[in-house]
Amino acid sequence: MGADDDFLVVGAYPPVGTYDECTTVEDRPRALKSIPKTPPPRKDAVYGAGGPLLKLWKKAK
């Protein structure tokens, strides 16, 4: 497995909790089921409580 020199992944994690990191192609079906169930964060990680993330976050139907 490899990546180009210009490939970058950034992750942000809350100070407490468990993290469901999917790192292989075999994890994909489980990830597709769990992603829509992810609750919105309390605030936008970049812009704070008034940031656009909370308005853009879509709830699972």
PDB file of N, CA and C in Angstrom:
ATOM      1  N   MET A   1       0.853  -1.173   0.000  1.00  0.00           N
ATOM      2  CA  MET A   1       0.000   0.000   0.000  1.00  0.00           C
ATOM      3  C   MET A   1       0.894   1.230   0.000  1.00  0.00           C
ATOM      4  N   GLY A   2       0.518   2.259  -0.694  1.00  0.00           N
ATOM      5  CA  GLY A   2       1.326   3.460  -0.759  1.00  0.00           C
ATOM      6  C   GLY A   2       0.486   4.647  -1.158  1.00  0.00           C
ATOM      7  N   ALA A   3       1.135   5.793  -1.227  1.00  0.00           N
ATOM      8  CA  ALA A   3       0.448   7.015  -1.610  1.00  0.00           C
ATOM      9  C   ALA A   3       1.446   7.959  -2.257  1.00  0.00           C
ATOM     10  N   ASP A   4       0.936   8.874  -3.045  1.00  0.00           N
ATOM     11  CA  ASP A   4       1.772   9.913  -3.627  1.00  0.00           C
ATOM     12  C   ASP A   4       2.259  10.844  -2.529  1.00  0.00           C
ATOM     13  N   ASP A   5       3.340  11.554  -2.799  1.00  0.00           N
ATOM     14  CA  ASP A   5       3.889  12.492  -1.821  1.00  0.00           C
ATOM     15  C   ASP A   5       2.932  13.626  -1.491  1.00  0.00           C
ATOM     16  N   ASP A   6       1.997  13.947  -2.402  1.00  0.00           N
ATOM     17  CA  ASP A   6       1.076  15.050  -2.150  1.00  0.00           C
ATOM     18  C   ASP A   6      -0.245  14.608  -1.520  1.00  0.00           C
ATOM     19  N   PHE A   7      -0.338  13.358  -1.082  1.00  0.00           N
ATOM     20  CA  PHE A   7      -1.544  12.841  -0.428  1.00  0.00           C
ATOM     21  C   PHE A   7      -1.450  13.098   1.062  1.00  0.00           C
ATOM     22  N   LEU A   8      -2.511  13.658   1.653  1.00  0.00           N
ATOM     23  CA  LEU A   8      -2.530  13.976   3.072  1.00  0.00           C
ATOM     24  C   LEU A   8      -3.905  13.669   3.637  1.00  0.00           C
ATOM     25  N   VAL A   9      -3.944  13.021   4.778  1.00  0.00           N
ATOM     26  CA  VAL A   9      -5.192  12.749   5.488  1.00  0.00           C
ATOM     27  C   VAL A   9      -5.087  13.400   6.856  1.00  0.00           C
ATOM     28  N   VAL A  10      -6.138  14.119   7.245  1.00  0.00           N
ATOM     29  CA  VAL A  10      -6.179  14.765   8.547  1.00  0.00           C
ATOM     30  C   VAL A  10      -7.393  14.243   9.292  1.00  0.00           C
ATOM     31  N   GLY A  11      -7.204  13.879  10.543  1.00  0.00           N
ATOM     32  CA  GLY A  11      -8.324  13.402  11.354  1.00  0.00           C
ATOM     33  C   GLY A  11      -8.448  14.240  12.610  1.00  0.00           C
ATOM     34  N   ALA A  12      -9.657  14.358  13.092  1.00  0.00           N
ATOM     35  CA  ALA A  12      -9.906  15.073  14.346  1.00  0.00           C
ATOM     36  C   ALA A  12     -10.750  14.172  15.230  1.00  0.00           C
ATOM     37  N   TYR A  13     -10.347  14.030  16.454  1.00  0.00           N
ATOM     38  CA  TYR A  13     -11.024  13.122  17.359  1.00  0.00           C
ATOM     39  C   TYR A  13     -11.372  13.845  18.649  1.00  0.00           C
ATOM     40  N   PRO A  14     -12.567  13.590  19.187  1.00  0.00           N
ATOM     41  CA  PRO A  14     -12.931  14.194  20.466  1.00  0.00           C
ATOM     42  C   PRO A  14     -12.029  13.649  21.575  1.00  0.00           C
ATOM     43  N   PRO A  15     -11.935  14.376  22.700  1.00  0.00           N
ATOM     44  CA  PRO A  15     -11.026  13.955  23.767  1.00  0.00           C
ATOM     45  C   PRO A  15     -11.405  12.631  24.434  1.00  0.00           C
ATOM     46  N   VAL A  16     -12.655  12.240  24.337  1.00  0.00           N
ATOM     47  CA  VAL A  16     -13.084  10.960  24.918  1.00  0.00           C
ATOM     48  C   VAL A  16     -13.911  10.203  23.888  1.00  0.00           C
ATOM     49  N   GLY A  17     -13.976   8.900  24.039  1.00  0.00           N
ATOM     50  CA  GLY A  17     -14.812   8.102  23.152  1.00  0.00           C
ATOM     51  C   GLY A  17     -14.059   6.948  22.542  1.00  0.00           C
ATOM     52  N   THR A  18     -14.746   6.210  21.719  1.00  0.00           N
ATOM     53  CA  THR A  18     -14.118   5.114  20.983  1.00  0.00           C
ATOM     54  C   THR A  18     -14.124   5.504  19.511  1.00  0.00           C
ATOM     55  N   TYR A  19     -13.144   5.036  18.781  1.00  0.00           N
ATOM     56  CA  TYR A  19     -12.975   5.438  17.398  1.00  0.00           C
ATOM     57  C   TYR A  19     -13.063   4.217  16.489  1.00  0.00           C
ATOM     58  N   ASP A  20     -13.934   4.303  15.517  1.00  0.00           N
ATOM     59  CA  ASP A  20     -14.177   3.219  14.580  1.00  0.00           C
ATOM     60  C   ASP A  20     -13.430   3.539  13.292  1.00  0.00           C
ATOM     61  N   GLU A  21     -12.163   3.203  13.261  1.00  0.00           N
ATOM     62  CA  GLU A  21     -11.348   3.510  12.097  1.00  0.00           C
ATOM     63  C   GLU A  21     -11.396   2.361  11.093  1.00  0.00           C
ATOM     64  N   CYS A  22     -11.850   2.659   9.908  1.00  0.00           N
ATOM     65  CA  CYS A  22     -11.915   1.667   8.841  1.00  0.00           C
ATOM     66  C   CYS A  22     -10.714   1.903   7.932  1.00  0.00           C
ATOM     67  N   THR A  23      -9.853   0.921   7.865  1.00  0.00           N
ATOM     68  CA  THR A  23      -8.596   1.112   7.136  1.00  0.00           C
ATOM     69  C   THR A  23      -8.389   0.135   5.985  1.00  0.00           C
ATOM     70  N   THR A  24      -9.300  -0.801   5.800  1.00  0.00           N
ATOM     71  CA  THR A  24      -9.145  -1.760   4.705  1.00  0.00           C
ATOM     72  C   THR A  24     -10.420  -1.804   3.870  1.00  0.00           C
ATOM     73  N   VAL A  25     -10.302  -2.336   2.682  1.00  0.00           N
ATOM     74  CA  VAL A  25     -11.468  -2.447   1.802  1.00  0.00           C
ATOM     75  C   VAL A  25     -12.527  -3.355   2.425  1.00  0.00           C
ATOM     76  N   GLU A  26     -12.106  -4.300   3.231  1.00  0.00           N
ATOM     77  CA  GLU A  26     -13.067  -5.192   3.900  1.00  0.00           C
ATOM     78  C   GLU A  26     -13.905  -4.440   4.933  1.00  0.00           C
ATOM     79  N   ASP A  27     -13.409  -3.328   5.432  1.00  0.00           N
ATOM     80  CA  ASP A  27     -14.146  -2.508   6.410  1.00  0.00           C
ATOM     81  C   ASP A  27     -15.242  -1.668   5.765  1.00  0.00           C
ATOM     82  N   ARG A  28     -15.200  -1.509   4.459  1.00  0.00           N
ATOM     83  CA  ARG A  28     -16.114  -0.598   3.767  1.00  0.00           C
ATOM     84  C   ARG A  28     -17.595  -0.878   4.013  1.00  0.00           C
ATOM     85  N   PRO A  29     -18.097  -2.115   3.899  1.00  0.00           N
ATOM     86  CA  PRO A  29     -19.535  -2.342   4.136  1.00  0.00           C
ATOM     87  C   PRO A  29     -19.971  -1.900   5.539  1.00  0.00           C
ATOM     88  N   ARG A  30     -19.153  -2.183   6.530  1.00  0.00           N
ATOM     89  CA  ARG A  30     -19.474  -1.773   7.902  1.00  0.00           C
ATOM     90  C   ARG A  30     -19.454  -0.249   8.009  1.00  0.00           C
ATOM     91  N   ALA A  31     -18.487   0.376   7.363  1.00  0.00           N
ATOM     92  CA  ALA A  31     -18.392   1.836   7.403  1.00  0.00           C
ATOM     93  C   ALA A  31     -19.612   2.483   6.766  1.00  0.00           C
ATOM     94  N   LEU A  32     -20.061   1.946   5.643  1.00  0.00           N
ATOM     95  CA  LEU A  32     -21.222   2.519   4.964  1.00  0.00           C
ATOM     96  C   LEU A  32     -22.486   2.437   5.815  1.00  0.00           C
ATOM     97  N   LYS A  33     -22.559   1.453   6.705  1.00  0.00           N
ATOM     98  CA  LYS A  33     -23.706   1.342   7.614  1.00  0.00           C
ATOM     99  C   LYS A  33     -23.572   2.287   8.804  1.00  0.00           C
ATOM    100  N   SER A  34     -22.356   2.484   9.273  1.00  0.00           N
ATOM    101  CA  SER A  34     -22.172   3.282  10.485  1.00  0.00           C
ATOM    102  C   SER A  34     -22.077   4.788  10.224  1.00  0.00           C
ATOM    103  N   ILE A  35     -21.627   5.198   9.062  1.00  0.00           N
ATOM    104  CA  ILE A  35     -21.464   6.627   8.770  1.00  0.00           C
ATOM    105  C   ILE A  35     -22.756   7.416   8.969  1.00  0.00           C
ATOM    106  N   PRO A  36     -23.897   6.973   8.431  1.00  0.00           N
ATOM    107  CA  PRO A  36     -25.123   7.755   8.614  1.00  0.00           C
ATOM    108  C   PRO A  36     -25.587   7.835  10.075  1.00  0.00           C
ATOM    109  N   LYS A  37     -25.101   6.946  10.919  1.00  0.00           N
ATOM    110  CA  LYS A  37     -25.504   6.931  12.326  1.00  0.00           C
ATOM    111  C   LYS A  37     -24.633   7.828  13.200  1.00  0.00           C
ATOM    112  N   THR A  38     -23.609   8.422  12.612  1.00  0.00           N
ATOM    113  CA  THR A  38     -22.695   9.263  13.371  1.00  0.00           C
ATOM    114  C   THR A  38     -23.409  10.539  13.801  1.00  0.00           C
ATOM    115  N   PRO A  39     -23.440  10.828  15.107  1.00  0.00           N
ATOM    116  CA  PRO A  39     -24.117  12.045  15.558  1.00  0.00           C
ATOM    117  C   PRO A  39     -23.301  13.286  15.202  1.00  0.00           C
ATOM    118  N   PRO A  40     -23.971  14.414  15.055  1.00  0.00           N
ATOM    119  CA  PRO A  40     -23.234  15.641  14.741  1.00  0.00           C
ATOM    120  C   PRO A  40     -22.371  16.066  15.926  1.00  0.00           C
ATOM    121  N   PRO A  41     -21.288  16.754  15.655  1.00  0.00           N
ATOM    122  CA  PRO A  41     -20.459  17.258  16.750  1.00  0.00           C
ATOM    123  C   PRO A  41     -21.166  18.419  17.457  1.00  0.00           C
ATOM    124  N   ARG A  42     -20.681  18.748  18.642  1.00  0.00           N
ATOM    125  CA  ARG A  42     -21.276  19.861  19.394  1.00  0.00           C
ATOM    126  C   ARG A  42     -20.964  21.211  18.752  1.00  0.00           C
ATOM    127  N   LYS A  43     -19.823  21.292  18.066  1.00  0.00           N
ATOM    128  CA  LYS A  43     -19.472  22.538  17.390  1.00  0.00           C
ATOM    129  C   LYS A  43     -18.571  22.242  16.204  1.00  0.00           C
ATOM    130  N   ASP A  44     -18.494  23.184  15.311  1.00  0.00           N
ATOM    131  CA  ASP A  44     -17.631  23.095  14.148  1.00  0.00           C
ATOM    132  C   ASP A  44     -16.181  23.119  14.635  1.00  0.00           C
ATOM    133  N   ALA A  45     -15.380  22.153  14.223  1.00  0.00           N
ATOM    134  CA  ALA A  45     -14.004  22.041  14.702  1.00  0.00           C
ATOM    135  C   ALA A  45     -13.129  23.205  14.257  1.00  0.00           C
ATOM    136  N   VAL A  46     -13.487  23.867  13.181  1.00  0.00           N
ATOM    137  CA  VAL A  46     -12.677  24.978  12.673  1.00  0.00           C
ATOM    138  C   VAL A  46     -13.247  26.328  13.107  1.00  0.00           C
ATOM    139  N   TYR A  47     -14.569  26.506  12.969  1.00  0.00           N
ATOM    140  CA  TYR A  47     -15.184  27.816  13.199  1.00  0.00           C
ATOM    141  C   TYR A  47     -15.937  27.941  14.521  1.00  0.00           C
ATOM    142  N   GLY A  48     -16.013  26.876  15.297  1.00  0.00           N
ATOM    143  CA  GLY A  48     -16.689  26.944  16.593  1.00  0.00           C
ATOM    144  C   GLY A  48     -18.191  26.757  16.491  1.00  0.00           C
ATOM    145  N   ALA A  49     -18.892  27.175  17.552  1.00  0.00           N
ATOM    146  CA  ALA A  49     -20.331  26.924  17.678  1.00  0.00           C
ATOM    147  C   ALA A  49     -21.148  27.533  16.544  1.00  0.00           C
ATOM    148  N   GLY A  50     -20.727  28.644  15.975  1.00  0.00           N
ATOM    149  CA  GLY A  50     -21.480  29.290  14.905  1.00  0.00           C
ATOM    150  C   GLY A  50     -21.038  28.891  13.513  1.00  0.00           C
ATOM    151  N   GLY A  51     -20.163  27.901  13.418  1.00  0.00           N
ATOM    152  CA  GLY A  51     -19.625  27.503  12.124  1.00  0.00           C
ATOM    153  C   GLY A  51     -20.624  26.792  11.234  1.00  0.00           C
ATOM    154  N   PRO A  52     -20.318  26.673   9.954  1.00  0.00           N
ATOM    155  CA  PRO A  52     -21.247  26.099   8.984  1.00  0.00           C
ATOM    156  C   PRO A  52     -21.425  24.582   9.075  1.00  0.00           C
ATOM    157  N   LEU A  53     -20.524  23.887   9.727  1.00  0.00           N
ATOM    158  CA  LEU A  53     -20.610  22.426   9.758  1.00  0.00           C
ATOM    159  C   LEU A  53     -21.947  21.940  10.304  1.00  0.00           C
ATOM    160  N   LEU A  54     -22.404  22.538  11.393  1.00  0.00           N
ATOM    161  CA  LEU A  54     -23.650  22.075  12.016  1.00  0.00           C
ATOM    162  C   LEU A  54     -24.852  22.291  11.107  1.00  0.00           C
ATOM    163  N   LYS A  55     -24.813  23.309  10.278  1.00  0.00           N
ATOM    164  CA  LYS A  55     -25.919  23.545   9.339  1.00  0.00           C
ATOM    165  C   LYS A  55     -25.861  22.572   8.171  1.00  0.00           C
ATOM    166  N   LEU A  56     -24.644  22.144   7.830  1.00  0.00           N
ATOM    167  CA  LEU A  56     -24.463  21.256   6.685  1.00  0.00           C
ATOM    168  C   LEU A  56     -24.623  19.778   7.024  1.00  0.00           C
ATOM    169  N   TRP A  57     -24.452  19.445   8.293  1.00  0.00           N
ATOM    170  CA  TRP A  57     -24.509  18.052   8.725  1.00  0.00           C
ATOM    171  C   TRP A  57     -25.904  17.508   8.473  1.00  0.00           C
ATOM    172  N   LYS A  58     -25.999  16.399   7.810  1.00  0.00           N
ATOM    173  CA  LYS A  58     -27.303  15.822   7.486  1.00  0.00           C
ATOM    174  C   LYS A  58     -27.564  14.630   8.382  1.00  0.00           C
ATOM    175  N   LYS A  59     -28.745  14.586   8.957  1.00  0.00           N
ATOM    176  CA  LYS A  59     -29.118  13.459   9.822  1.00  0.00           C
ATOM    177  C   LYS A  59     -29.517  12.261   8.964  1.00  0.00           C
ATOM    178  N   ALA A  60     -29.275  11.078   9.500  1.00  0.00           N
ATOM    179  CA  ALA A  60     -29.671   9.845   8.800  1.00  0.00           C
ATOM    180  C   ALA A  60     -31.182   9.789   8.715  1.00  0.00           C
ATOM    181  N   LYS A  61     -31.657   9.307   7.586  1.00  0.00           N
ATOM    182  CA  LYS A  61     -33.111   9.208   7.406  1.00  0.00           C
ATOM    183  C   LYS A  61     -33.602   7.824   7.712  1.00  0.00           C
TER     184      LYS A  61
END
